[in-house]
Amino acid sequence: MLSLGIRYMLLAGLAFAVMQVCVKYLVRIPAHEIILFRSVITLVLSLSWLVYHRVPIWGNNRKLLWLRGIFGIIALTSFVITLKHIPLASAVTLQNLSPIFTIFLAQFILGEKVRKWQWLFFGISFVGIAFIKGFDPRISGFYLGIGLLSAVFAGLAYNCVRKLKDTDHPVVVVLYFPLIATPVMGGYSLFHWVTPLGYDWFWLILMGICTQLGQVFMTLSLRAEEANKVSGLKHMGAIYGLILGYFLFDETYALLSLLGIALVLAGVVLNTYYVNLWSKKTSD
């Protein structure tokens, strides 16, 4: 029987996969505008829920809530840029390095230990990144760096979420992203506006709803389990990306690029399995 935290993270992965497909379909709409629409929808949904349930919207640990929002904006902006410029599975694979950065940063932020075997698993994943970049000419060094930047800041945001579990409601934690992103991206969009047309509206609304669901499920997961037990499950997103990219966008990969994706996932999966095994051993 899967734990509640694992089930929440699997649901989050599915919601985010649908969101990523929406972004790929929004060819005309620039990244900042996509984030603006996503933020407005999340802001309305989160505020409506908090007001209805009479939960104070400003939270308790406001400094950390603001940091979580800022880190989330940088992570999502970088991720949307990579989604629009490199194949879906590759963009998702790069972003799925976030569990490794989450665990590495958790040493300093949460005081969680990284054991010797975990460094080996981290190394396997980074060798995979070298394969993806080296054997896929569609991925430039610039967009590779943007993808890694997204993973680092996502790791910082996840650690903030974990640290906020005892002080703030999960929907309040989710709220702080659109609370910051809406005025920032709104101001920029005033001077760089592209009007959505036709099905653009459908994809934008669906993207916002799926992102809200994904954020809430991810927050609930990180509140229910230690970061190093559930964050690795985000690797499912790369598998979704391979399948959806092939069937929806005709994206194909060279054998060595697929090997790179497999190595990234192997490192993340092995780390998740090892941490869960160690936790079970020490609790017996």
C-alpha atoms as a PDB file:
ATOM      1  CA  MET A   1       0.000   0.000   0.000  1.00  0.00           C
ATOM      2  CA  LEU A   2       1.482   3.318  -1.080  1.00  0.00           C
ATOM      3  CA  SER A   3       1.832   5.949   1.610  1.00  0.00           C
ATOM      4  CA  LEU A   4      -0.274   9.094   1.439  1.00  0.00           C
ATOM      5  CA  GLY A   5       2.773  11.209   0.597  1.00  0.00           C
ATOM      6  CA  ILE A   6       3.709   8.987  -2.354  1.00  0.00           C
ATOM      7  CA  ARG A   7       0.155   8.987  -3.694  1.00  0.00           C
ATOM      8  CA  TYR A   8       0.016  12.772  -3.521  1.00  0.00           C
ATOM      9  CA  MET A   9       3.325  13.083  -5.397  1.00  0.00           C
ATOM     10  CA  LEU A  10       2.174  10.699  -8.153  1.00  0.00           C
ATOM     11  CA  LEU A  11      -0.984  12.780  -8.616  1.00  0.00           C
ATOM     12  CA  ALA A  12       1.150  15.928  -8.697  1.00  0.00           C
ATOM     13  CA  GLY A  13       3.314  14.401 -11.438  1.00  0.00           C
ATOM     14  CA  LEU A  14       0.280  13.584 -13.569  1.00  0.00           C
ATOM     15  CA  ALA A  15      -1.146  17.105 -13.192  1.00  0.00           C
ATOM     16  CA  PHE A  16       2.197  18.688 -14.091  1.00  0.00           C
ATOM     17  CA  ALA A  17       2.516  16.425 -17.161  1.00  0.00           C
ATOM     18  CA  VAL A  18      -0.763  17.760 -18.549  1.00  0.00           C
ATOM     19  CA  MET A  19       0.394  21.299 -17.752  1.00  0.00           C
ATOM     20  CA  GLN A  20       3.612  20.732 -19.748  1.00  0.00           C
ATOM     21  CA  VAL A  21       1.637  19.580 -22.774  1.00  0.00           C
ATOM     22  CA  CYS A  22      -0.421  22.774 -22.565  1.00  0.00           C
ATOM     23  CA  VAL A  23       2.771  24.871 -22.641  1.00  0.00           C
ATOM     24  CA  LYS A  24       4.046  23.016 -25.733  1.00  0.00           C
ATOM     25  CA  TYR A  25       0.783  23.810 -27.532  1.00  0.00           C
ATOM     26  CA  LEU A  26       1.078  27.525 -26.677  1.00  0.00           C
ATOM     27  CA  VAL A  27       3.540  28.207 -29.484  1.00  0.00           C
ATOM     28  CA  ARG A  28       2.510  31.847 -30.011  1.00  0.00           C
ATOM     29  CA  ILE A  29       2.461  32.870 -26.359  1.00  0.00           C
ATOM     30  CA  PRO A  30       5.779  33.980 -24.764  1.00  0.00           C
ATOM     31  CA  ALA A  31       7.015  32.482 -21.488  1.00  0.00           C
ATOM     32  CA  HIS A  32       6.308  35.542 -19.311  1.00  0.00           C
ATOM     33  CA  GLU A  33       2.703  35.673 -20.508  1.00  0.00           C
ATOM     34  CA  ILE A  34       2.186  31.953 -19.908  1.00  0.00           C
ATOM     35  CA  ILE A  35       3.384  32.433 -16.329  1.00  0.00           C
ATOM     36  CA  LEU A  36       1.098  35.461 -15.943  1.00  0.00           C
ATOM     37  CA  PHE A  37      -2.002  33.489 -16.966  1.00  0.00           C
ATOM     38  CA  ARG A  38      -0.940  30.564 -14.818  1.00  0.00           C
ATOM     39  CA  SER A  39      -0.438  32.917 -11.863  1.00  0.00           C
ATOM     40  CA  VAL A  40      -3.790  34.699 -12.261  1.00  0.00           C
ATOM     41  CA  ILE A  41      -5.700  31.401 -12.369  1.00  0.00           C
ATOM     42  CA  THR A  42      -3.793  30.030  -9.368  1.00  0.00           C
ATOM     43  CA  LEU A  43      -4.315  33.310  -7.488  1.00  0.00           C
ATOM     44  CA  VAL A  44      -8.092  33.245  -8.040  1.00  0.00           C
ATOM     45  CA  LEU A  45      -8.429  29.555  -7.125  1.00  0.00           C
ATOM     46  CA  SER A  46      -6.221  29.824  -4.023  1.00  0.00           C
ATOM     47  CA  LEU A  47      -7.812  33.020  -2.707  1.00  0.00           C
ATOM     48  CA  SER A  48     -11.317  31.649  -3.285  1.00  0.00           C
ATOM     49  CA  TRP A  49     -10.523  28.497  -1.344  1.00  0.00           C
ATOM     50  CA  LEU A  50      -8.850  30.351   1.543  1.00  0.00           C
ATOM     51  CA  VAL A  51     -11.646  32.919   1.874  1.00  0.00           C
ATOM     52  CA  TYR A  52     -14.338  30.227   1.724  1.00  0.00           C
ATOM     53  CA  HIS A  53     -12.622  28.182   4.446  1.00  0.00           C
ATOM     54  CA  ARG A  54     -11.731  31.320   6.451  1.00  0.00           C
ATOM     55  CA  VAL A  55      -8.010  30.598   6.463  1.00  0.00           C
ATOM     56  CA  PRO A  56      -5.804  33.714   6.972  1.00  0.00           C
ATOM     57  CA  ILE A  57      -4.219  34.400   3.593  1.00  0.00           C
ATOM     58  CA  TRP A  58      -0.961  36.022   4.721  1.00  0.00           C
ATOM     59  CA  GLY A  59       0.352  33.014   6.656  1.00  0.00           C
ATOM     60  CA  ASN A  60       2.731  32.926   9.602  1.00  0.00           C
ATOM     61  CA  ASN A  61       6.310  32.482   8.356  1.00  0.00           C
ATOM     62  CA  ARG A  62       6.094  35.279   5.811  1.00  0.00           C
ATOM     63  CA  LYS A  63       9.822  35.595   5.119  1.00  0.00           C
ATOM     64  CA  LEU A  64      10.036  31.939   4.102  1.00  0.00           C
ATOM     65  CA  LEU A  65       6.754  32.179   2.187  1.00  0.00           C
ATOM     66  CA  TRP A  66       8.161  35.052   0.125  1.00  0.00           C
ATOM     67  CA  LEU A  67      11.356  33.109  -0.530  1.00  0.00           C
ATOM     68  CA  ARG A  68       9.319  30.091  -1.637  1.00  0.00           C
ATOM     69  CA  GLY A  69       7.447  32.339  -4.072  1.00  0.00           C
ATOM     70  CA  ILE A  70      10.592  33.943  -5.502  1.00  0.00           C
ATOM     71  CA  PHE A  71      12.395  30.617  -5.919  1.00  0.00           C
ATOM     72  CA  GLY A  72       9.279  29.190  -7.570  1.00  0.00           C
ATOM     73  CA  ILE A  73       9.080  32.049 -10.080  1.00  0.00           C
ATOM     74  CA  ILE A  74      12.709  31.576 -11.170  1.00  0.00           C
ATOM     75  CA  ALA A  75      12.248  27.796 -11.398  1.00  0.00           C
ATOM     76  CA  LEU A  76       9.025  27.972 -13.426  1.00  0.00           C
ATOM     77  CA  THR A  77      10.237  30.734 -15.763  1.00  0.00           C
ATOM     78  CA  SER A  78      13.357  28.719 -16.571  1.00  0.00           C
ATOM     79  CA  PHE A  79      11.312  25.558 -17.071  1.00  0.00           C
ATOM     80  CA  VAL A  80       8.793  27.209 -19.421  1.00  0.00           C
ATOM     81  CA  ILE A  81      11.673  28.567 -21.520  1.00  0.00           C
ATOM     82  CA  THR A  82      13.186  25.084 -21.882  1.00  0.00           C
ATOM     83  CA  LEU A  83       9.765  23.557 -22.661  1.00  0.00           C
ATOM     84  CA  LYS A  84       9.357  25.991 -25.543  1.00  0.00           C
ATOM     85  CA  HIS A  85      12.838  25.468 -27.012  1.00  0.00           C
ATOM     86  CA  ILE A  86      13.868  21.826 -26.515  1.00  0.00           C
ATOM     87  CA  PRO A  87      12.028  18.468 -26.796  1.00  0.00           C
ATOM     88  CA  LEU A  88       9.452  17.758 -24.077  1.00  0.00           C
ATOM     89  CA  ALA A  89      11.126  14.707 -22.514  1.00  0.00           C
ATOM     90  CA  SER A  90      14.532  16.425 -22.384  1.00  0.00           C
ATOM     91  CA  ALA A  91      13.085  19.534 -20.719  1.00  0.00           C
ATOM     92  CA  VAL A  92      11.219  17.415 -18.174  1.00  0.00           C
ATOM     93  CA  THR A  93      14.299  15.238 -17.545  1.00  0.00           C
ATOM     94  CA  LEU A  94      16.404  18.306 -16.767  1.00  0.00           C
ATOM     95  CA  GLN A  95      13.730  19.615 -14.444  1.00  0.00           C
ATOM     96  CA  ASN A  96      13.537  16.197 -12.803  1.00  0.00           C
ATOM     97  CA  LEU A  97      17.036  16.738 -11.473  1.00  0.00           C
ATOM     98  CA  SER A  98      15.298  18.914  -8.876  1.00  0.00           C
ATOM     99  CA  PRO A  99      15.037  15.967  -6.394  1.00  0.00           C
ATOM    100  CA  ILE A 100      18.823  15.700  -6.393  1.00  0.00           C
ATOM    101  CA  PHE A 101      19.205  19.410  -5.689  1.00  0.00           C
ATOM    102  CA  THR A 102      16.385  19.170  -3.140  1.00  0.00           C
ATOM    103  CA  ILE A 103      18.247  16.449  -1.233  1.00  0.00           C
ATOM    104  CA  PHE A 104      21.630  18.165  -1.562  1.00  0.00           C
ATOM    105  CA  LEU A 105      20.265  21.492  -0.306  1.00  0.00           C
ATOM    106  CA  ALA A 106      18.271  19.772   2.447  1.00  0.00           C
ATOM    107  CA  GLN A 107      21.617  19.122   4.191  1.00  0.00           C
ATOM    108  CA  PHE A 108      21.967  22.852   4.845  1.00  0.00           C
ATOM    109  CA  ILE A 109      18.331  23.959   5.036  1.00  0.00           C
ATOM    110  CA  LEU A 110      16.670  21.045   6.845  1.00  0.00           C
ATOM    111  CA  GLY A 111      19.655  19.257   8.393  1.00  0.00           C
ATOM    112  CA  GLU A 112      18.886  16.024   6.483  1.00  0.00           C
ATOM    113  CA  LYS A 113      21.933  13.815   5.846  1.00  0.00           C
ATOM    114  CA  VAL A 114      23.247  12.710   2.446  1.00  0.00           C
ATOM    115  CA  ARG A 115      24.906   9.291   2.636  1.00  0.00           C
ATOM    116  CA  LYS A 116      27.843   7.993   0.593  1.00  0.00           C
ATOM    117  CA  TRP A 117      25.826   5.851  -1.802  1.00  0.00           C
ATOM    118  CA  GLN A 118      23.620   8.806  -2.665  1.00  0.00           C
ATOM    119  CA  TRP A 119      26.585  10.656  -4.164  1.00  0.00           C
ATOM    120  CA  LEU A 120      27.066   7.733  -6.579  1.00  0.00           C
ATOM    121  CA  PHE A 121      23.427   7.948  -7.628  1.00  0.00           C
ATOM    122  CA  PHE A 122      23.746  11.707  -8.118  1.00  0.00           C
ATOM    123  CA  GLY A 123      26.781  11.088 -10.333  1.00  0.00           C
ATOM    124  CA  ILE A 124      24.840   8.615 -12.496  1.00  0.00           C
ATOM    125  CA  SER A 125      22.180  11.248 -13.135  1.00  0.00           C
ATOM    126  CA  PHE A 126      24.706  13.887 -14.126  1.00  0.00           C
ATOM    127  CA  VAL A 127      26.438  11.478 -16.513  1.00  0.00           C
ATOM    128  CA  GLY A 128      22.993  11.074 -18.074  1.00  0.00           C
ATOM    129  CA  ILE A 129      22.760  14.841 -18.558  1.00  0.00           C
ATOM    130  CA  ALA A 130      26.083  14.753 -20.424  1.00  0.00           C
ATOM    131  CA  PHE A 131      24.656  12.060 -22.733  1.00  0.00           C
ATOM    132  CA  ILE A 132      21.478  14.046 -23.394  1.00  0.00           C
ATOM    133  CA  LYS A 133      23.417  17.186 -24.276  1.00  0.00           C
ATOM    134  CA  GLY A 134      26.192  15.419 -26.162  1.00  0.00           C
ATOM    135  CA  PHE A 135      24.000  13.356 -28.455  1.00  0.00           C
ATOM    136  CA  ASP A 136      21.034  15.642 -29.082  1.00  0.00           C
ATOM    137  CA  PRO A 137      21.912  18.577 -31.363  1.00  0.00           C
ATOM    138  CA  ARG A 138      18.512  20.164 -30.590  1.00  0.00           C
ATOM    139  CA  ILE A 139      19.776  21.087 -27.099  1.00  0.00           C
ATOM    140  CA  SER A 140      22.216  24.000 -26.891  1.00  0.00           C
ATOM    141  CA  GLY A 141      24.475  24.676 -23.945  1.00  0.00           C
ATOM    142  CA  PHE A 142      22.415  27.771 -23.148  1.00  0.00           C
ATOM    143  CA  TYR A 143      19.123  25.910 -22.787  1.00  0.00           C
ATOM    144  CA  LEU A 144      20.872  23.108 -20.917  1.00  0.00           C
ATOM    145  CA  GLY A 145      22.004  25.721 -18.392  1.00  0.00           C
ATOM    146  CA  ILE A 146      18.507  27.204 -18.171  1.00  0.00           C
ATOM    147  CA  GLY A 147      17.113  23.725 -17.492  1.00  0.00           C
ATOM    148  CA  LEU A 148      19.643  23.101 -14.716  1.00  0.00           C
ATOM    149  CA  LEU A 149      18.857  26.527 -13.232  1.00  0.00           C
ATOM    150  CA  SER A 150      15.200  25.505 -13.094  1.00  0.00           C
ATOM    151  CA  ALA A 151      16.101  22.327 -11.196  1.00  0.00           C
ATOM    152  CA  VAL A 152      18.272  24.176  -8.657  1.00  0.00           C
ATOM    153  CA  PHE A 153      15.618  26.766  -7.810  1.00  0.00           C
ATOM    154  CA  ALA A 154      12.905  24.105  -7.711  1.00  0.00           C
ATOM    155  CA  GLY A 155      15.063  22.323  -5.129  1.00  0.00           C
ATOM    156  CA  LEU A 156      15.237  25.509  -3.081  1.00  0.00           C
ATOM    157  CA  ALA A 157      11.461  25.981  -3.343  1.00  0.00           C
ATOM    158  CA  TYR A 158      10.766  22.375  -2.245  1.00  0.00           C
ATOM    159  CA  ASN A 159      12.963  22.805   0.809  1.00  0.00           C
ATOM    160  CA  CYS A 160      11.027  25.932   1.727  1.00  0.00           C
ATOM    161  CA  VAL A 161       7.773  23.979   1.367  1.00  0.00           C
ATOM    162  CA  ARG A 162       9.101  21.259   3.648  1.00  0.00           C
ATOM    163  CA  LYS A 163      10.250  23.828   6.217  1.00  0.00           C
ATOM    164  CA  LEU A 164       6.828  25.529   6.162  1.00  0.00           C
ATOM    165  CA  LYS A 165       4.910  22.326   6.938  1.00  0.00           C
ATOM    166  CA  ASP A 166       4.536  23.097  10.652  1.00  0.00           C
ATOM    167  CA  THR A 167       3.691  26.790  10.310  1.00  0.00           C
ATOM    168  CA  ASP A 168       1.442  27.375   7.308  1.00  0.00           C
ATOM    169  CA  HIS A 169      -1.527  25.884   5.463  1.00  0.00           C
ATOM    170  CA  PRO A 170      -0.601  24.203   2.127  1.00  0.00           C
ATOM    171  CA  VAL A 171      -2.879  26.474   0.085  1.00  0.00           C
ATOM    172  CA  VAL A 172      -1.258  29.536   1.716  1.00  0.00           C
ATOM    173  CA  VAL A 173       2.114  28.131   0.625  1.00  0.00           C
ATOM    174  CA  VAL A 174       0.779  27.741  -2.929  1.00  0.00           C
ATOM    175  CA  LEU A 175      -0.730  31.264  -2.851  1.00  0.00           C
ATOM    176  CA  TYR A 176       2.595  33.051  -2.443  1.00  0.00           C
ATOM    177  CA  PHE A 177       3.799  32.087  -5.915  1.00  0.00           C
ATOM    178  CA  PRO A 178       1.001  33.885  -7.831  1.00  0.00           C
ATOM    179  CA  LEU A 179       0.955  36.654  -5.233  1.00  0.00           C
ATOM    180  CA  ILE A 180       4.473  37.595  -6.352  1.00  0.00           C
ATOM    181  CA  ALA A 181       4.406  36.413  -9.968  1.00  0.00           C
ATOM    182  CA  THR A 182       1.191  38.198 -11.024  1.00  0.00           C
ATOM    183  CA  PRO A 183       2.415  41.801 -10.552  1.00  0.00           C
ATOM    184  CA  VAL A 184       5.928  40.996 -11.806  1.00  0.00           C
ATOM    185  CA  MET A 185       4.853  39.219 -14.991  1.00  0.00           C
ATOM    186  CA  GLY A 186       1.857  41.540 -15.416  1.00  0.00           C
ATOM    187  CA  GLY A 187       4.089  44.595 -15.452  1.00  0.00           C
ATOM    188  CA  TYR A 188       6.453  43.033 -17.981  1.00  0.00           C
ATOM    189  CA  SER A 189       3.568  41.842 -20.172  1.00  0.00           C
ATOM    190  CA  LEU A 190       2.225  45.388 -20.511  1.00  0.00           C
ATOM    191  CA  PHE A 191       5.147  46.114 -22.831  1.00  0.00           C
ATOM    192  CA  HIS A 192       5.427  42.651 -24.461  1.00  0.00           C
ATOM    193  CA  TRP A 193       1.800  41.550 -24.917  1.00  0.00           C
ATOM    194  CA  VAL A 194       0.668  38.852 -27.370  1.00  0.00           C
ATOM    195  CA  THR A 195      -3.129  38.409 -27.491  1.00  0.00           C
ATOM    196  CA  PRO A 196      -4.226  34.743 -27.165  1.00  0.00           C
ATOM    197  CA  LEU A 197      -6.375  33.474 -30.030  1.00  0.00           C
ATOM    198  CA  GLY A 198      -8.771  30.550 -30.427  1.00  0.00           C
ATOM    199  CA  TYR A 199      -7.567  27.408 -28.651  1.00  0.00           C
ATOM    200  CA  ASP A 200      -4.853  29.409 -26.856  1.00  0.00           C
ATOM    201  CA  TRP A 201      -7.500  30.251 -24.252  1.00  0.00           C
ATOM    202  CA  PHE A 202      -8.360  26.598 -23.703  1.00  0.00           C
ATOM    203  CA  TRP A 203      -4.717  25.604 -23.186  1.00  0.00           C
ATOM    204  CA  LEU A 204      -4.063  28.564 -20.880  1.00  0.00           C
ATOM    205  CA  ILE A 205      -7.040  27.775 -18.622  1.00  0.00           C
ATOM    206  CA  LEU A 206      -6.291  24.040 -18.544  1.00  0.00           C
ATOM    207  CA  MET A 207      -2.642  24.824 -17.767  1.00  0.00           C
ATOM    208  CA  GLY A 208      -3.662  26.987 -14.811  1.00  0.00           C
ATOM    209  CA  ILE A 209      -6.031  24.396 -13.363  1.00  0.00           C
ATOM    210  CA  CYS A 210      -3.521  21.536 -13.719  1.00  0.00           C
ATOM    211  CA  THR A 211      -0.760  23.638 -12.197  1.00  0.00           C
ATOM    212  CA  GLN A 212      -2.945  24.462  -9.200  1.00  0.00           C
ATOM    213  CA  LEU A 213      -3.736  20.780  -8.678  1.00  0.00           C
ATOM    214  CA  GLY A 214      -0.090  19.832  -9.070  1.00  0.00           C
ATOM    215  CA  GLN A 215       1.088  22.470  -6.590  1.00  0.00           C
ATOM    216  CA  VAL A 216      -1.472  21.462  -3.970  1.00  0.00           C
ATOM    217  CA  PHE A 217      -0.729  17.729  -4.321  1.00  0.00           C
ATOM    218  CA  MET A 218       3.029  18.374  -4.214  1.00  0.00           C
ATOM    219  CA  THR A 219       2.686  20.553  -1.116  1.00  0.00           C
ATOM    220  CA  LEU A 220       0.549  17.913   0.622  1.00  0.00           C
ATOM    221  CA  SER A 221       3.116  15.260  -0.304  1.00  0.00           C
ATOM    222  CA  LEU A 222       6.054  17.205   1.107  1.00  0.00           C
ATOM    223  CA  ARG A 223       4.087  17.842   4.286  1.00  0.00           C
ATOM    224  CA  ALA A 224       3.281  14.136   4.674  1.00  0.00           C
ATOM    225  CA  GLU A 225       6.790  12.729   4.029  1.00  0.00           C
ATOM    226  CA  GLU A 226      10.439  13.745   4.288  1.00  0.00           C
ATOM    227  CA  ALA A 227      11.696  15.499   1.155  1.00  0.00           C
ATOM    228  CA  ASN A 228      14.174  12.731   0.346  1.00  0.00           C
ATOM    229  CA  LYS A 229      11.426  10.061   0.384  1.00  0.00           C
ATOM    230  CA  VAL A 230       8.990  11.549  -2.120  1.00  0.00           C
ATOM    231  CA  SER A 231      10.783  14.156  -4.248  1.00  0.00           C
ATOM    232  CA  GLY A 232      12.383  11.430  -6.376  1.00  0.00           C
ATOM    233  CA  LEU A 233       8.965  10.342  -7.624  1.00  0.00           C
ATOM    234  CA  LYS A 234       8.929  13.376  -9.900  1.00  0.00           C
ATOM    235  CA  HIS A 235      10.974  11.210 -12.295  1.00  0.00           C
ATOM    236  CA  MET A 236       7.639   9.916 -13.581  1.00  0.00           C
ATOM    237  CA  GLY A 237       7.322  13.225 -15.398  1.00  0.00           C
ATOM    238  CA  ALA A 238      10.121  12.285 -17.795  1.00  0.00           C
ATOM    239  CA  ILE A 239       8.338   9.059 -18.706  1.00  0.00           C
ATOM    240  CA  TYR A 240       5.141  11.007 -19.317  1.00  0.00           C
ATOM    241  CA  GLY A 241       7.210  13.426 -21.406  1.00  0.00           C
ATOM    242  CA  LEU A 242       8.635  10.674 -23.614  1.00  0.00           C
ATOM    243  CA  ILE A 243       5.208   9.181 -24.282  1.00  0.00           C
ATOM    244  CA  LEU A 244       3.346  12.453 -24.790  1.00  0.00           C
ATOM    245  CA  GLY A 245       6.165  14.006 -26.827  1.00  0.00           C
ATOM    246  CA  TYR A 246       6.192  11.039 -29.203  1.00  0.00           C
ATOM    247  CA  PHE A 247       2.422  10.815 -29.731  1.00  0.00           C
ATOM    248  CA  LEU A 248       1.504  14.510 -29.617  1.00  0.00           C
ATOM    249  CA  PHE A 249       4.567  16.295 -31.036  1.00  0.00           C
ATOM    250  CA  ASP A 250       6.339  13.594 -33.117  1.00  0.00           C
ATOM    251  CA  GLU A 251       9.469  13.922 -30.982  1.00  0.00           C
ATOM    252  CA  THR A 252      12.018  11.134 -31.438  1.00  0.00           C
ATOM    253  CA  TYR A 253      15.403  10.510 -29.805  1.00  0.00           C
ATOM    254  CA  ALA A 254      18.700   8.919 -30.736  1.00  0.00           C
ATOM    255  CA  LEU A 255      19.572   5.769 -28.805  1.00  0.00           C
ATOM    256  CA  LEU A 256      22.344   7.494 -26.828  1.00  0.00           C
ATOM    257  CA  SER A 257      20.027  10.374 -25.900  1.00  0.00           C
ATOM    258  CA  LEU A 258      17.513   7.839 -24.608  1.00  0.00           C
ATOM    259  CA  LEU A 259      20.344   6.228 -22.642  1.00  0.00           C
ATOM    260  CA  GLY A 260      21.042   9.644 -21.103  1.00  0.00           C
ATOM    261  CA  ILE A 261      17.398  10.029 -20.047  1.00  0.00           C
ATOM    262  CA  ALA A 262      17.495   6.492 -18.622  1.00  0.00           C
ATOM    263  CA  LEU A 263      20.658   7.301 -16.609  1.00  0.00           C
ATOM    264  CA  VAL A 264      19.083  10.428 -15.132  1.00  0.00           C
ATOM    265  CA  LEU A 265      16.020   8.467 -14.113  1.00  0.00           C
ATOM    266  CA  ALA A 266      18.127   5.558 -12.822  1.00  0.00           C
ATOM    267  CA  GLY A 267      20.082   7.861 -10.517  1.00  0.00           C
ATOM    268  CA  VAL A 268      16.907   9.431  -9.144  1.00  0.00           C
ATOM    269  CA  VAL A 269      15.075   6.099  -8.745  1.00  0.00           C
ATOM    270  CA  LEU A 270      18.049   4.374  -7.079  1.00  0.00           C
ATOM    271  CA  ASN A 271      18.390   7.270  -4.664  1.00  0.00           C
ATOM    272  CA  THR A 272      14.677   7.126  -3.772  1.00  0.00           C
ATOM    273  CA  TYR A 273      14.842   3.349  -3.256  1.00  0.00           C
ATOM    274  CA  TYR A 274      18.009   3.625  -1.150  1.00  0.00           C
ATOM    275  CA  VAL A 275      16.595   6.365   1.091  1.00  0.00           C
ATOM    276  CA  ASN A 276      13.362   4.460   1.673  1.00  0.00           C
ATOM    277  CA  LEU A 277      15.312   1.253   2.400  1.00  0.00           C
ATOM    278  CA  TRP A 278      17.588   3.071   4.849  1.00  0.00           C
ATOM    279  CA  SER A 279      14.632   4.723   6.580  1.00  0.00           C
ATOM    280  CA  LYS A 280      12.888   1.364   6.980  1.00  0.00           C
ATOM    281  CA  LYS A 281      16.084  -0.250   8.303  1.00  0.00           C
ATOM    282  CA  THR A 282      16.714   2.462  10.911  1.00  0.00           C
ATOM    283  CA  SER A 283      13.078   2.448  12.080  1.00  0.00           C
ATOM    284  CA  ASP A 284      12.999  -1.333  12.683  1.00  0.00           C
END
